Amino acid sequence: MIDVPVIDPEKCNGCGLCVEVCQHDVLLLVGEIVTVNTANDCDWCTNCEIVCAEGALTCPFEIVIS
């Protein structure tokens, strides 16, 4: 399974902030809902999750620096 951000379409208001901060075009705004473009690789920066004021986006991974 590819680790990508998970979007709750019921919470997403389509503001597009997460799309703007995504450096690898993993997130796309389609209509009024953000979707995941699995053709591109997520670099797990979690910026999308940070800017989502609605809590509609979660990153199911954790970066551990040892």
PDB file of N, CA and C in Angstrom:
ATOM      1  N   MET A   1       0.841  -1.190   0.000  1.00  0.00           N
ATOM      2  CA  MET A   1       0.000   0.000   0.000  1.00  0.00           C
ATOM      3  C   MET A   1       0.887   1.254   0.000  1.00  0.00           C
ATOM      4  N   ILE A   2       0.504   2.219  -0.778  1.00  0.00           N
ATOM      5  CA  ILE A   2       1.215   3.489  -0.851  1.00  0.00           C
ATOM      6  C   ILE A   2       0.697   4.397   0.255  1.00  0.00           C
ATOM      7  N   ASP A   3       1.604   4.975   1.002  1.00  0.00           N
ATOM      8  CA  ASP A   3       1.208   5.905   2.057  1.00  0.00           C
ATOM      9  C   ASP A   3       0.962   7.270   1.453  1.00  0.00           C
ATOM     10  N   VAL A   4      -0.297   7.679   1.452  1.00  0.00           N
ATOM     11  CA  VAL A   4      -0.685   8.987   0.937  1.00  0.00           C
ATOM     12  C   VAL A   4      -1.663   9.612   1.931  1.00  0.00           C
ATOM     13  N   PRO A   5      -1.846  10.905   1.873  1.00  0.00           N
ATOM     14  CA  PRO A   5      -2.830  11.545   2.740  1.00  0.00           C
ATOM     15  C   PRO A   5      -4.233  10.975   2.494  1.00  0.00           C
ATOM     16  N   VAL A   6      -5.003  10.910   3.574  1.00  0.00           N
ATOM     17  CA  VAL A   6      -6.375  10.415   3.500  1.00  0.00           C
ATOM     18  C   VAL A   6      -7.300  11.608   3.670  1.00  0.00           C
ATOM     19  N   ILE A   7      -8.286  11.718   2.773  1.00  0.00           N
ATOM     20  CA  ILE A   7      -9.193  12.859   2.784  1.00  0.00           C
ATOM     21  C   ILE A   7     -10.594  12.407   3.159  1.00  0.00           C
ATOM     22  N   ASP A   8     -11.190  13.104   4.123  1.00  0.00           N
ATOM     23  CA  ASP A   8     -12.580  12.864   4.498  1.00  0.00           C
ATOM     24  C   ASP A   8     -13.427  13.831   3.682  1.00  0.00           C
ATOM     25  N   PRO A   9     -14.111  13.336   2.636  1.00  0.00           N
ATOM     26  CA  PRO A   9     -14.863  14.238   1.759  1.00  0.00           C
ATOM     27  C   PRO A   9     -16.004  14.975   2.449  1.00  0.00           C
ATOM     28  N   GLU A  10     -16.479  14.449   3.573  1.00  0.00           N
ATOM     29  CA  GLU A  10     -17.550  15.127   4.294  1.00  0.00           C
ATOM     30  C   GLU A  10     -17.047  16.353   5.047  1.00  0.00           C
ATOM     31  N   LYS A  11     -15.750  16.375   5.373  1.00  0.00           N
ATOM     32  CA  LYS A  11     -15.168  17.518   6.077  1.00  0.00           C
ATOM     33  C   LYS A  11     -14.513  18.516   5.125  1.00  0.00           C
ATOM     34  N   CYS A  12     -14.100  18.055   3.950  1.00  0.00           N
ATOM     35  CA  CYS A  12     -13.389  18.911   3.003  1.00  0.00           C
ATOM     36  C   CYS A  12     -14.316  19.997   2.464  1.00  0.00           C
ATOM     37  N   ASN A  13     -13.875  21.256   2.571  1.00  0.00           N
ATOM     38  CA  ASN A  13     -14.680  22.367   2.055  1.00  0.00           C
ATOM     39  C   ASN A  13     -14.155  22.887   0.714  1.00  0.00           C
ATOM     40  N   GLY A  14     -13.135  22.218   0.182  1.00  0.00           N
ATOM     41  CA  GLY A  14     -12.623  22.585  -1.134  1.00  0.00           C
ATOM     42  C   GLY A  14     -11.842  23.881  -1.175  1.00  0.00           C
ATOM     43  N   CYS A  15     -11.272  24.296  -0.052  1.00  0.00           N
ATOM     44  CA  CYS A  15     -10.543  25.571  -0.022  1.00  0.00           C
ATOM     45  C   CYS A  15      -9.265  25.522  -0.867  1.00  0.00           C
ATOM     46  N   GLY A  16      -8.657  24.336  -0.993  1.00  0.00           N
ATOM     47  CA  GLY A  16      -7.478  24.181  -1.834  1.00  0.00           C
ATOM     48  C   GLY A  16      -6.148  24.514  -1.191  1.00  0.00           C
ATOM     49  N   LEU A  17      -6.135  24.870   0.097  1.00  0.00           N
ATOM     50  CA  LEU A  17      -4.866  25.198   0.753  1.00  0.00           C
ATOM     51  C   LEU A  17      -3.900  24.014   0.724  1.00  0.00           C
ATOM     52  N   CYS A  18      -4.410  22.818   0.944  1.00  0.00           N
ATOM     53  CA  CYS A  18      -3.544  21.639   0.932  1.00  0.00           C
ATOM     54  C   CYS A  18      -2.943  21.404  -0.450  1.00  0.00           C
ATOM     55  N   VAL A  19      -3.716  21.690  -1.484  1.00  0.00           N
ATOM     56  CA  VAL A  19      -3.236  21.537  -2.862  1.00  0.00           C
ATOM     57  C   VAL A  19      -2.100  22.525  -3.118  1.00  0.00           C
ATOM     58  N   GLU A  20      -2.250  23.740  -2.609  1.00  0.00           N
ATOM     59  CA  GLU A  20      -1.231  24.775  -2.800  1.00  0.00           C
ATOM     60  C   GLU A  20       0.094  24.416  -2.133  1.00  0.00           C
ATOM     61  N   VAL A  21       0.055  23.778  -0.957  1.00  0.00           N
ATOM     62  CA  VAL A  21       1.300  23.475  -0.243  1.00  0.00           C
ATOM     63  C   VAL A  21       1.916  22.136  -0.650  1.00  0.00           C
ATOM     64  N   CYS A  22       1.190  21.343  -1.418  1.00  0.00           N
ATOM     65  CA  CYS A  22       1.721  20.039  -1.843  1.00  0.00           C
ATOM     66  C   CYS A  22       2.804  20.253  -2.902  1.00  0.00           C
ATOM     67  N   GLN A  23       4.027  19.873  -2.553  1.00  0.00           N
ATOM     68  CA  GLN A  23       5.177  20.109  -3.421  1.00  0.00           C
ATOM     69  C   GLN A  23       5.286  19.122  -4.580  1.00  0.00           C
ATOM     70  N   HIS A  24       4.535  18.021  -4.519  1.00  0.00           N
ATOM     71  CA  HIS A  24       4.679  16.977  -5.531  1.00  0.00           C
ATOM     72  C   HIS A  24       3.381  16.678  -6.282  1.00  0.00           C
ATOM     73  N   ASP A  25       2.431  17.590  -6.223  1.00  0.00           N
ATOM     74  CA  ASP A  25       1.148  17.441  -6.924  1.00  0.00           C
ATOM     75  C   ASP A  25       0.453  16.116  -6.611  1.00  0.00           C
ATOM     76  N   VAL A  26       0.511  15.724  -5.344  1.00  0.00           N
ATOM     77  CA  VAL A  26      -0.188  14.517  -4.908  1.00  0.00           C
ATOM     78  C   VAL A  26      -1.662  14.831  -4.682  1.00  0.00           C
ATOM     79  N   LEU A  27      -1.961  16.069  -4.317  1.00  0.00           N
ATOM     80  CA  LEU A  27      -3.335  16.473  -4.056  1.00  0.00           C
ATOM     81  C   LEU A  27      -3.865  17.311  -5.213  1.00  0.00           C
ATOM     82  N   LEU A  28      -5.110  17.038  -5.575  1.00  0.00           N
ATOM     83  CA  LEU A  28      -5.763  17.753  -6.672  1.00  0.00           C
ATOM     84  C   LEU A  28      -7.130  18.228  -6.218  1.00  0.00           C
ATOM     85  N   LEU A  29      -7.542  19.395  -6.675  1.00  0.00           N
ATOM     86  CA  LEU A  29      -8.881  19.892  -6.399  1.00  0.00           C
ATOM     87  C   LEU A  29      -9.756  19.531  -7.589  1.00  0.00           C
ATOM     88  N   VAL A  30     -10.713  18.644  -7.351  1.00  0.00           N
ATOM     89  CA  VAL A  30     -11.627  18.197  -8.400  1.00  0.00           C
ATOM     90  C   VAL A  30     -13.026  18.651  -7.995  1.00  0.00           C
ATOM     91  N   GLY A  31     -13.545  19.612  -8.708  1.00  0.00           N
ATOM     92  CA  GLY A  31     -14.823  20.197  -8.310  1.00  0.00           C
ATOM     93  C   GLY A  31     -14.626  20.963  -7.016  1.00  0.00           C
ATOM     94  N   GLU A  32     -15.305  20.517  -5.973  1.00  0.00           N
ATOM     95  CA  GLU A  32     -15.177  21.169  -4.668  1.00  0.00           C
ATOM     96  C   GLU A  32     -14.537  20.263  -3.631  1.00  0.00           C
ATOM     97  N   ILE A  33     -13.952  19.147  -4.066  1.00  0.00           N
ATOM     98  CA  ILE A  33     -13.362  18.184  -3.144  1.00  0.00           C
ATOM     99  C   ILE A  33     -11.918  17.895  -3.549  1.00  0.00           C
ATOM    100  N   VAL A  34     -11.048  17.761  -2.573  1.00  0.00           N
ATOM    101  CA  VAL A  34      -9.656  17.403  -2.816  1.00  0.00           C
ATOM    102  C   VAL A  34      -9.570  15.890  -2.968  1.00  0.00           C
ATOM    103  N   THR A  35      -8.801  15.443  -3.949  1.00  0.00           N
ATOM    104  CA  THR A  35      -8.574  14.026  -4.165  1.00  0.00           C
ATOM    105  C   THR A  35      -7.071  13.759  -4.206  1.00  0.00           C
ATOM    106  N   VAL A  36      -6.711  12.477  -4.131  1.00  0.00           N
ATOM    107  CA  VAL A  36      -5.308  12.085  -4.131  1.00  0.00           C
ATOM    108  C   VAL A  36      -4.920  11.591  -5.512  1.00  0.00           C
ATOM    109  N   ASN A  37      -3.836  12.126  -6.029  1.00  0.00           N
ATOM    110  CA  ASN A  37      -3.273  11.707  -7.307  1.00  0.00           C
ATOM    111  C   ASN A  37      -2.185  10.672  -7.008  1.00  0.00           C
ATOM    112  N   THR A  38      -2.518   9.393  -7.111  1.00  0.00           N
ATOM    113  CA  THR A  38      -1.561   8.339  -6.765  1.00  0.00           C
ATOM    114  C   THR A  38      -0.481   8.161  -7.825  1.00  0.00           C
ATOM    115  N   ALA A  39      -0.572   8.886  -8.927  1.00  0.00           N
ATOM    116  CA  ALA A  39       0.465   8.809  -9.963  1.00  0.00           C
ATOM    117  C   ALA A  39       1.753   9.478  -9.493  1.00  0.00           C
ATOM    118  N   ASN A  40       1.631  10.384  -8.521  1.00  0.00           N
ATOM    119  CA  ASN A  40       2.809  11.070  -7.992  1.00  0.00           C
ATOM    120  C   ASN A  40       3.122  10.565  -6.596  1.00  0.00           C
ATOM    121  N   ASP A  41       4.396  10.599  -6.231  1.00  0.00           N
ATOM    122  CA  ASP A  41       4.827  10.105  -4.933  1.00  0.00           C
ATOM    123  C   ASP A  41       4.809  11.197  -3.872  1.00  0.00           C
ATOM    124  N   CYS A  42       4.155  10.911  -2.773  1.00  0.00           N
ATOM    125  CA  CYS A  42       4.131  11.806  -1.616  1.00  0.00           C
ATOM    126  C   CYS A  42       5.486  11.736  -0.924  1.00  0.00           C
ATOM    127  N   ASP A  43       6.012  12.900  -0.508  1.00  0.00           N
ATOM    128  CA  ASP A  43       7.288  12.897   0.208  1.00  0.00           C
ATOM    129  C   ASP A  43       7.084  12.960   1.723  1.00  0.00           C
ATOM    130  N   TRP A  44       5.848  12.827   2.175  1.00  0.00           N
ATOM    131  CA  TRP A  44       5.473  12.730   3.586  1.00  0.00           C
ATOM    132  C   TRP A  44       5.840  13.958   4.395  1.00  0.00           C
ATOM    133  N   CYS A  45       5.727  15.130   3.805  1.00  0.00           N
ATOM    134  CA  CYS A  45       6.076  16.361   4.520  1.00  0.00           C
ATOM    135  C   CYS A  45       5.008  16.746   5.557  1.00  0.00           C
ATOM    136  N   THR A  46       3.775  16.285   5.384  1.00  0.00           N
ATOM    137  CA  THR A  46       2.604  16.562   6.242  1.00  0.00           C
ATOM    138  C   THR A  46       2.147  18.015   6.230  1.00  0.00           C
ATOM    139  N   ASN A  47       2.681  18.838   5.311  1.00  0.00           N
ATOM    140  CA  ASN A  47       2.231  20.233   5.219  1.00  0.00           C
ATOM    141  C   ASN A  47       0.740  20.323   4.926  1.00  0.00           C
ATOM    142  N   CYS A  48       0.222  19.403   4.143  1.00  0.00           N
ATOM    143  CA  CYS A  48      -1.199  19.409   3.800  1.00  0.00           C
ATOM    144  C   CYS A  48      -2.070  19.230   5.044  1.00  0.00           C
ATOM    145  N   GLU A  49      -1.652  18.322   5.906  1.00  0.00           N
ATOM    146  CA  GLU A  49      -2.397  18.071   7.145  1.00  0.00           C
ATOM    147  C   GLU A  49      -2.344  19.295   8.057  1.00  0.00           C
ATOM    148  N   ILE A  50      -1.205  19.956   8.106  1.00  0.00           N
ATOM    149  CA  ILE A  50      -1.018  21.125   8.968  1.00  0.00           C
ATOM    150  C   ILE A  50      -1.934  22.278   8.553  1.00  0.00           C
ATOM    151  N   VAL A  51      -2.089  22.525   7.247  1.00  0.00           N
ATOM    152  CA  VAL A  51      -2.878  23.678   6.793  1.00  0.00           C
ATOM    153  C   VAL A  51      -4.376  23.411   6.730  1.00  0.00           C
ATOM    154  N   CYS A  52      -4.799  22.184   6.914  1.00  0.00           N
ATOM    155  CA  CYS A  52      -6.232  21.860   6.797  1.00  0.00           C
ATOM    156  C   CYS A  52      -6.974  22.241   8.074  1.00  0.00           C
ATOM    157  N   ALA A  53      -7.629  23.393   8.041  1.00  0.00           N
ATOM    158  CA  ALA A  53      -8.356  23.903   9.206  1.00  0.00           C
ATOM    159  C   ALA A  53      -9.590  23.069   9.526  1.00  0.00           C
ATOM    160  N   GLU A  54     -10.109  22.348   8.544  1.00  0.00           N
ATOM    161  CA  GLU A  54     -11.313  21.551   8.731  1.00  0.00           C
ATOM    162  C   GLU A  54     -11.015  20.170   9.322  1.00  0.00           C
ATOM    163  N   GLY A  55      -9.746  19.790   9.355  1.00  0.00           N
ATOM    164  CA  GLY A  55      -9.386  18.458   9.837  1.00  0.00           C
ATOM    165  C   GLY A  55      -9.819  17.367   8.877  1.00  0.00           C
ATOM    166  N   ALA A  56      -9.936  17.722   7.600  1.00  0.00           N
ATOM    167  CA  ALA A  56     -10.408  16.789   6.588  1.00  0.00           C
ATOM    168  C   ALA A  56      -9.303  15.905   6.038  1.00  0.00           C
ATOM    169  N   LEU A  57      -8.086  16.229   6.354  1.00  0.00           N
ATOM    170  CA  LEU A  57      -6.949  15.537   5.771  1.00  0.00           C
ATOM    171  C   LEU A  57      -6.050  14.992   6.878  1.00  0.00           C
ATOM    172  N   THR A  58      -5.728  13.720   6.796  1.00  0.00           N
ATOM    173  CA  THR A  58      -4.818  13.109   7.763  1.00  0.00           C
ATOM    174  C   THR A  58      -3.744  12.342   7.021  1.00  0.00           C
ATOM    175  N   CYS A  59      -2.586  12.318   7.622  1.00  0.00           N
ATOM    176  CA  CYS A  59      -1.459  11.579   7.042  1.00  0.00           C
ATOM    177  C   CYS A  59      -1.249  10.329   7.886  1.00  0.00           C
ATOM    178  N   PRO A  60      -1.455   9.150   7.285  1.00  0.00           N
ATOM    179  CA  PRO A  60      -1.383   7.893   8.051  1.00  0.00           C
ATOM    180  C   PRO A  60       0.029   7.375   8.228  1.00  0.00           C
ATOM    181  N   PHE A  61       0.956   8.274   8.399  1.00  0.00           N
ATOM    182  CA  PHE A  61       2.345   7.877   8.569  1.00  0.00           C
ATOM    183  C   PHE A  61       3.008   8.829   9.538  1.00  0.00           C
ATOM    184  N   GLU A  62       4.096   8.380  10.107  1.00  0.00           N
ATOM    185  CA  GLU A  62       4.840   9.177  11.066  1.00  0.00           C
ATOM    186  C   GLU A  62       6.296   9.178  10.671  1.00  0.00           C
ATOM    187  N   ILE A  63       6.892  10.341  10.648  1.00  0.00           N
ATOM    188  CA  ILE A  63       8.302  10.467  10.306  1.00  0.00           C
ATOM    189  C   ILE A  63       9.113  10.407  11.601  1.00  0.00           C
ATOM    190  N   VAL A  64      10.033   9.480  11.658  1.00  0.00           N
ATOM    191  CA  VAL A  64      10.884   9.322  12.825  1.00  0.00           C
ATOM    192  C   VAL A  64      12.317   9.559  12.402  1.00  0.00           C
ATOM    193  N   ILE A  65      12.959  10.501  13.055  1.00  0.00           N
ATOM    194  CA  ILE A  65      14.360  10.800  12.764  1.00  0.00           C
ATOM    195  C   ILE A  65      15.187  10.229  13.911  1.00  0.00           C
ATOM    196  N   SER A  66      16.087   9.347  13.539  1.00  0.00           N
ATOM    197  CA  SER A  66      16.899   8.728  14.595  1.00  0.00           C
ATOM    198  C   SER A  66      18.348   9.163  14.506  1.00  0.00           C
TER     199      SER A  66
END
